[in-house]
Amino acid sequence: MDNGSPLHREDLLHLMSLKEVLDAFVHEIRQPLNVIMLACQVIRLKAEQTPLAADIAGFLLQRSDLISSQVRRATETLQGVSDFSKGLDSEEAPVDLVAVFREISDMMGQQFNSREIRLLSELGDGPLPVPLPSRITEGIVIQSLAFARDTVQAIGAWHRDRDFSYTQMVTATPMNKPGEGGLHLAWSTGSVPDGTFLIDPRKHSGLRIAASVLSARGGVLRASHDSLRVVFLGSR
């Protein structure tokens, strides 16, 4: 894949500024989540200690547990975003690609759901060690999923414009050959003419940068009209 031109200083400035804004956002949103969690705990305590009708007490406990579970989920997502924005690991130890994919797909799941795209993982339980720090691996997986998401969305729009049926789905499978562990993302192009790129991978900034970083680490990223292969050379 052609990695294109290097990142301009303006782009680097934007990325660094985005990191600062993201850090501030995580800090600001964490406080109201803590308040909501505390309120749920108080409601649960009052419902258990106050003589209420069984149906009312059950309703209050059920709703407070539901809210608490969603707050915990949001807090875990924020923690993942915060950890990701802190930068690269200094340790070069291999990471489990399956675990990384699971974490990133959870973080990006709503982006797929809101576009009515199903993300199907057939990676199994792992492990699938790859010889890169977790932050680099995470960045490559994020950009790969973003390209697959954008491509399938464009294919879906192409079919809707022509009143054709199309199932929007991305399937992730492992590549686990000796020395060449990796990730394979595939999707159907439906009725789109064979070989047609609705999203040019050479012009997808995030994917181009991911390919450049992976290439510098001895790996390779291959994009086609219906799939994306991410190969980490030197995998065990």
Foldseek 3Di string as FASTA:
>chain_A
DALDDDDDPVRVVVLVVVLVVLLVVLVVVLVVLVVLLVVLVVQLVCLVPPDDPPVVSVVSPVVSVVSNVVSVLVNVLSVVSNVLSPDFDPDQAWDFLVVLLVSLCSNCVVVCVVLQAAEAEPAPDDRFTFRGTSSLSNLLSNLQVVVLSVLLSLLVVVCVVVVHDDHHYKYWYWDHDVQKTWIKIFDDSPPPPPQDAPDDLNPSNSNSVSQVVQVVQVWHWDDTSTMIITIRGRTD
